[in-house]
Amino acid sequence: MEIDKEKFRRAFPHLAQAREIIDYLERKGRITPEYAEKLRRQLKEKGLRSFGPKKEPGYYFKEAGYI
């Protein structure tokens, strides 16, 4: 199962968090080792913003109509 790169990047704005989440998803079998390595390589070579622009705090609440 592939994760949504956009949601992933927007949810974890710091590199260390992103690496931890990739490792966690791989350990739990949510992503393949090959896909995890692809994400790590992209993170290292192109940076976190290569996954897309950062969402502002409260974005999902606004989308859901709570704000």
Protein backbone atom coordinates (compact mmCIF):
# COMPACT_ATOMS: atom_id res chain seq x y z
CA MET A 1 0.00 0.00 0.00
CA GLU A 2 1.40 3.36 -1.02
CA ILE A 3 0.99 6.28 1.33
CA ASP A 4 -0.18 9.65 0.11
CA LYS A 5 3.04 11.65 -0.16
CA GLU A 6 1.21 14.94 0.16
CA LYS A 7 -0.50 13.99 3.42
CA PHE A 8 2.72 12.46 4.73
CA ARG A 9 4.79 15.57 4.08
CA ARG A 10 2.21 17.96 5.40
CA ALA A 11 1.67 15.97 8.57
CA PHE A 12 5.38 15.77 9.47
CA PRO A 13 7.13 19.10 8.91
CA HIS A 14 10.53 18.08 10.27
CA LEU A 15 13.05 15.73 8.68
CA ALA A 16 13.62 13.68 11.83
CA GLN A 17 9.88 13.10 12.21
CA ALA A 18 9.59 12.14 8.56
CA ARG A 19 12.39 9.57 8.89
CA GLU A 20 10.82 8.09 12.01
CA ILE A 21 7.45 7.77 10.30
CA ILE A 22 8.97 6.10 7.24
CA ASP A 23 10.73 3.61 9.53
CA TYR A 24 7.52 2.99 11.49
CA LEU A 25 5.39 2.44 8.37
CA GLU A 26 7.98 0.03 7.02
CA ARG A 27 8.17 -1.94 10.30
CA LYS A 28 4.38 -2.22 10.45
CA GLY A 29 4.21 -3.42 6.84
CA ARG A 30 2.20 -0.40 5.67
CA ILE A 31 4.81 0.32 2.99
CA THR A 32 7.28 -1.99 1.28
CA PRO A 33 11.00 -1.81 2.03
CA GLU A 34 11.54 -0.67 -1.56
CA TYR A 35 9.04 2.18 -1.24
CA ALA A 36 10.48 3.15 2.16
CA GLU A 37 13.93 3.36 0.60
CA LYS A 38 12.55 5.48 -2.24
CA LEU A 39 11.02 7.89 0.29
CA ARG A 40 14.25 8.04 2.31
CA ARG A 41 16.27 8.74 -0.82
CA GLN A 42 13.87 11.51 -1.91
CA LEU A 43 13.96 12.99 1.59
CA LYS A 44 17.77 12.97 1.65
CA GLU A 45 18.38 14.18 -1.90
CA LYS A 46 15.53 16.65 -2.41
CA GLY A 47 14.35 17.52 1.08
CA LEU A 48 11.00 17.44 2.79
CA ARG A 49 9.47 20.16 0.61
CA SER A 50 9.94 17.95 -2.45
CA PHE A 51 6.76 16.20 -1.29
CA GLY A 52 4.77 19.44 -1.63
CA PRO A 53 4.09 22.68 0.25
CA LYS A 54 3.48 22.67 3.97
CA LYS A 55 -0.08 22.91 5.21
CA GLU A 56 -0.79 25.55 7.82
CA PRO A 57 -1.97 24.59 11.33
CA GLY A 58 -5.71 23.94 11.39
CA TYR A 59 -5.92 23.02 7.70
CA TYR A 60 -7.77 19.74 8.25
CA PHE A 61 -10.17 21.35 10.73
CA LYS A 62 -10.98 24.02 8.14
CA GLU A 63 -11.48 21.37 5.44
CA ALA A 64 -13.84 19.48 7.73
CA GLY A 65 -15.80 22.66 8.48
CA TYR A 66 -14.91 22.87 12.17
CA ILE A 67 -13.28 26.28 11.78
